[in-house]
C-alpha atoms as a PDB file:
ATOM      1  CA  MET A   1      44.423  19.925  35.618  1.00  0.00           C
ATOM      2  CA  CYS A   2      43.611  16.829  33.620  1.00  0.00           C
ATOM      3  CA  THR A   3      42.054  16.016  30.274  1.00  0.00           C
ATOM      4  CA  ASP A   4      38.334  15.639  29.667  1.00  0.00           C
ATOM      5  CA  GLN A   5      36.582  12.348  28.846  1.00  0.00           C
ATOM      6  CA  THR A   6      37.762  12.540  25.235  1.00  0.00           C
ATOM      7  CA  GLY A   7      41.382  13.068  26.268  1.00  0.00           C
ATOM      8  CA  GLU A   8      41.484  16.041  23.906  1.00  0.00           C
ATOM      9  CA  TYR A   9      40.816  19.093  26.091  1.00  0.00           C
ATOM     10  CA  LEU A  10      42.094  20.375  29.421  1.00  0.00           C
ATOM     11  CA  ALA A  11      39.684  20.053  32.331  1.00  0.00           C
ATOM     12  CA  VAL A  12      39.685  20.925  36.010  1.00  0.00           C
ATOM     13  CA  SER A  13      40.373  17.924  38.223  1.00  0.00           C
ATOM     14  CA  GLU A  14      39.938  19.705  41.581  1.00  0.00           C
ATOM     15  CA  SER A  15      39.164  23.204  42.811  1.00  0.00           C
ATOM     16  CA  LYS A  16      38.509  24.872  46.171  1.00  0.00           C
ATOM     17  CA  PHE A  17      37.422  28.427  46.954  1.00  0.00           C
ATOM     18  CA  GLU A  18      37.033  29.535  50.556  1.00  0.00           C
ATOM     19  CA  LEU A  19      35.767  32.628  52.335  1.00  0.00           C
ATOM     20  CA  ARG A  20      37.426  33.131  55.712  1.00  0.00           C
ATOM     21  CA  VAL A  21      36.745  35.900  58.188  1.00  0.00           C
ATOM     22  CA  HIS A  22      40.012  36.613  59.971  1.00  0.00           C
ATOM     23  CA  THR A  23      41.244  33.052  60.532  1.00  0.00           C
ATOM     24  CA  ALA A  24      37.850  31.362  60.879  1.00  0.00           C
ATOM     25  CA  PRO A  25      36.538  29.391  57.895  1.00  0.00           C
ATOM     26  CA  GLY A  26      33.098  30.510  56.747  1.00  0.00           C
ATOM     27  CA  ILE A  27      32.198  28.723  53.545  1.00  0.00           C
ATOM     28  CA  ARG A  28      34.116  26.564  51.088  1.00  0.00           C
ATOM     29  CA  PHE A  29      33.154  25.490  47.561  1.00  0.00           C
ATOM     30  CA  GLU A  30      34.825  22.281  46.407  1.00  0.00           C
ATOM     31  CA  TYR A  31      34.931  20.296  43.196  1.00  0.00           C
ATOM     32  CA  SER A  32      36.679  16.964  42.691  1.00  0.00           C
ATOM     33  CA  ARG A  33      36.207  15.176  39.376  1.00  0.00           C
ATOM     34  CA  LYS A  34      37.170  11.796  40.874  1.00  0.00           C
ATOM     35  CA  ASN A  35      35.139  12.065  44.099  1.00  0.00           C
ATOM     36  CA  THR A  36      33.120   8.926  44.824  1.00  0.00           C
ATOM     37  CA  SER A  37      32.313   9.478  48.516  1.00  0.00           C
ATOM     38  CA  ALA A  38      30.543  12.860  48.121  1.00  0.00           C
ATOM     39  CA  PRO A  39      29.005  14.890  45.283  1.00  0.00           C
ATOM     40  CA  LYS A  40      31.686  16.023  42.853  1.00  0.00           C
ATOM     41  CA  ALA A  41      30.685  19.663  43.441  1.00  0.00           C
ATOM     42  CA  HIS A  42      29.643  20.576  46.979  1.00  0.00           C
ATOM     43  CA  ILE A  43      29.616  23.338  49.593  1.00  0.00           C
ATOM     44  CA  HIS A  44      30.934  23.180  53.180  1.00  0.00           C
ATOM     45  CA  TYR A  45      29.302  25.480  55.732  1.00  0.00           C
ATOM     46  CA  THR A  46      31.450  26.064  58.793  1.00  0.00           C
ATOM     47  CA  GLY A  47      29.514  28.246  61.173  1.00  0.00           C
ATOM     48  CA  VAL A  48      28.425  30.408  58.283  1.00  0.00           C
ATOM     49  CA  ALA A  49      25.677  32.343  60.061  1.00  0.00           C
ATOM     50  CA  GLY A  50      27.913  33.392  62.950  1.00  0.00           C
ATOM     51  CA  ILE A  51      30.732  34.473  60.646  1.00  0.00           C
ATOM     52  CA  ILE A  52      29.134  35.751  57.458  1.00  0.00           C
ATOM     53  CA  SER A  53      26.044  37.447  58.960  1.00  0.00           C
ATOM     54  CA  PRO A  54      28.115  40.069  60.861  1.00  0.00           C
ATOM     55  CA  ALA A  55      30.126  40.715  57.684  1.00  0.00           C
ATOM     56  CA  LEU A  56      26.890  41.164  55.714  1.00  0.00           C
ATOM     57  CA  MET A  57      25.550  43.585  58.329  1.00  0.00           C
ATOM     58  CA  ARG A  58      28.771  45.613  58.287  1.00  0.00           C
ATOM     59  CA  ASN A  59      29.281  45.526  54.506  1.00  0.00           C
ATOM     60  CA  PHE A  60      25.684  46.514  53.725  1.00  0.00           C
ATOM     61  CA  ALA A  61      25.167  48.967  56.614  1.00  0.00           C
ATOM     62  CA  ASP A  62      24.517  51.897  54.241  1.00  0.00           C
ATOM     63  CA  THR A  63      22.249  50.112  51.767  1.00  0.00           C
ATOM     64  CA  LYS A  64      18.538  50.766  51.450  1.00  0.00           C
ATOM     65  CA  ASP A  65      17.967  47.192  50.241  1.00  0.00           C
ATOM     66  CA  PRO A  66      16.348  45.368  53.191  1.00  0.00           C
ATOM     67  CA  LYS A  67      17.461  42.030  51.715  1.00  0.00           C
ATOM     68  CA  LYS A  68      21.093  42.893  52.451  1.00  0.00           C
ATOM     69  CA  LYS A  69      20.996  43.448  56.206  1.00  0.00           C
ATOM     70  CA  GLY A  70      22.793  40.372  57.478  1.00  0.00           C
ATOM     71  CA  HIS A  71      20.119  37.885  56.480  1.00  0.00           C
ATOM     72  CA  LEU A  72      21.937  34.776  55.321  1.00  0.00           C
ATOM     73  CA  GLU A  73      18.770  33.373  53.744  1.00  0.00           C
ATOM     74  CA  LYS A  74      18.903  36.236  51.208  1.00  0.00           C
ATOM     75  CA  VAL A  75      22.414  35.342  49.994  1.00  0.00           C
ATOM     76  CA  HIS A  76      22.676  33.554  46.645  1.00  0.00           C
ATOM     77  CA  MET A  77      25.306  30.787  46.775  1.00  0.00           C
ATOM     78  CA  PRO A  78      26.773  29.997  43.344  1.00  0.00           C
ATOM     79  CA  VAL A  79      26.488  26.419  42.142  1.00  0.00           C
ATOM     80  CA  GLY A  80      28.307  26.829  38.846  1.00  0.00           C
ATOM     81  CA  GLY A  81      25.579  27.599  36.339  1.00  0.00           C
ATOM     82  CA  GLN A  82      25.159  25.086  33.556  1.00  0.00           C
ATOM     83  CA  ARG A  83      28.374  23.315  34.559  1.00  0.00           C
ATOM     84  CA  PHE A  84      27.266  22.792  38.187  1.00  0.00           C
ATOM     85  CA  ARG A  85      30.810  23.573  39.298  1.00  0.00           C
ATOM     86  CA  PRO A  86      31.603  27.053  40.607  1.00  0.00           C
ATOM     87  CA  CYS A  87      34.619  28.677  39.001  1.00  0.00           C
ATOM     88  CA  LEU A  88      36.812  31.379  40.512  1.00  0.00           C
ATOM     89  CA  GLU A  89      34.746  34.046  38.749  1.00  0.00           C
ATOM     90  CA  ASP A  90      31.538  32.710  40.374  1.00  0.00           C
ATOM     91  CA  PHE A  91      33.226  32.822  43.780  1.00  0.00           C
ATOM     92  CA  LEU A  92      34.558  36.368  43.293  1.00  0.00           C
ATOM     93  CA  TYR A  93      31.099  37.527  42.201  1.00  0.00           C
ATOM     94  CA  PHE A  94      29.632  35.870  45.318  1.00  0.00           C
ATOM     95  CA  ILE A  95      31.983  37.537  47.818  1.00  0.00           C
ATOM     96  CA  ILE A  96      31.690  40.973  46.185  1.00  0.00           C
ATOM     97  CA  ARG A  97      28.020  41.139  45.138  1.00  0.00           C
ATOM     98  CA  GLU A  98      26.368  38.844  47.689  1.00  0.00           C
ATOM     99  CA  CYS A  99      28.637  39.345  50.723  1.00  0.00           C
ATOM    100  CA  GLY A 100      29.408  43.020  50.115  1.00  0.00           C
ATOM    101  CA  PHE A 101      33.184  42.938  50.046  1.00  0.00           C
ATOM    102  CA  VAL A 102      34.744  45.697  47.940  1.00  0.00           C
ATOM    103  CA  GLY A 103      35.936  44.910  44.428  1.00  0.00           C
ATOM    104  CA  LEU A 104      38.224  47.021  42.280  1.00  0.00           C
ATOM    105  CA  HIS A 105      36.687  49.530  39.863  1.00  0.00           C
ATOM    106  CA  GLY A 106      35.292  47.697  36.827  1.00  0.00           C
ATOM    107  CA  TRP A 107      35.331  44.269  38.504  1.00  0.00           C
ATOM    108  CA  GLU A 108      31.856  43.261  37.327  1.00  0.00           C
ATOM    109  CA  ASN A 109      32.508  43.887  33.622  1.00  0.00           C
ATOM    110  CA  ARG A 110      35.864  42.112  33.818  1.00  0.00           C
ATOM    111  CA  LEU A 111      34.314  39.016  35.430  1.00  0.00           C
ATOM    112  CA  ARG A 112      31.402  39.013  32.979  1.00  0.00           C
ATOM    113  CA  ASP A 113      33.739  39.324  29.976  1.00  0.00           C
ATOM    114  CA  PHE A 114      36.008  36.556  31.230  1.00  0.00           C
ATOM    115  CA  LYS A 115      33.077  34.221  31.900  1.00  0.00           C
ATOM    116  CA  LYS A 116      31.895  34.751  28.298  1.00  0.00           C
ATOM    117  CA  THR A 117      35.221  33.365  27.093  1.00  0.00           C
ATOM    118  CA  LEU A 118      34.580  30.221  29.163  1.00  0.00           C
ATOM    119  CA  ALA A 119      31.102  29.576  27.740  1.00  0.00           C
END
């Protein structure tokens, strides 16, 4: 954590969220306020298609939605909305809704409510 440009409010200095399948890295979202050698907010793909596509096929095996059958090009990657920096809530929404991993009952309302407090 750090302070914003005004020095008055708390701000995120760095954040990283990563989806791993077993021990293999799949995708990582990074933000670094002080980064000068790369975009402050960026995404690392590490063999995503070979790792995430099988998970998508397995997680959406029972769906009737043809868009969710292991096709990586149909997955929506969060870029942080108006802030252009994904937060933990964006990442959790991504792995549950877009990648098909199971969330606890009521997860979507909880994430939506929490994100409203951040706006």
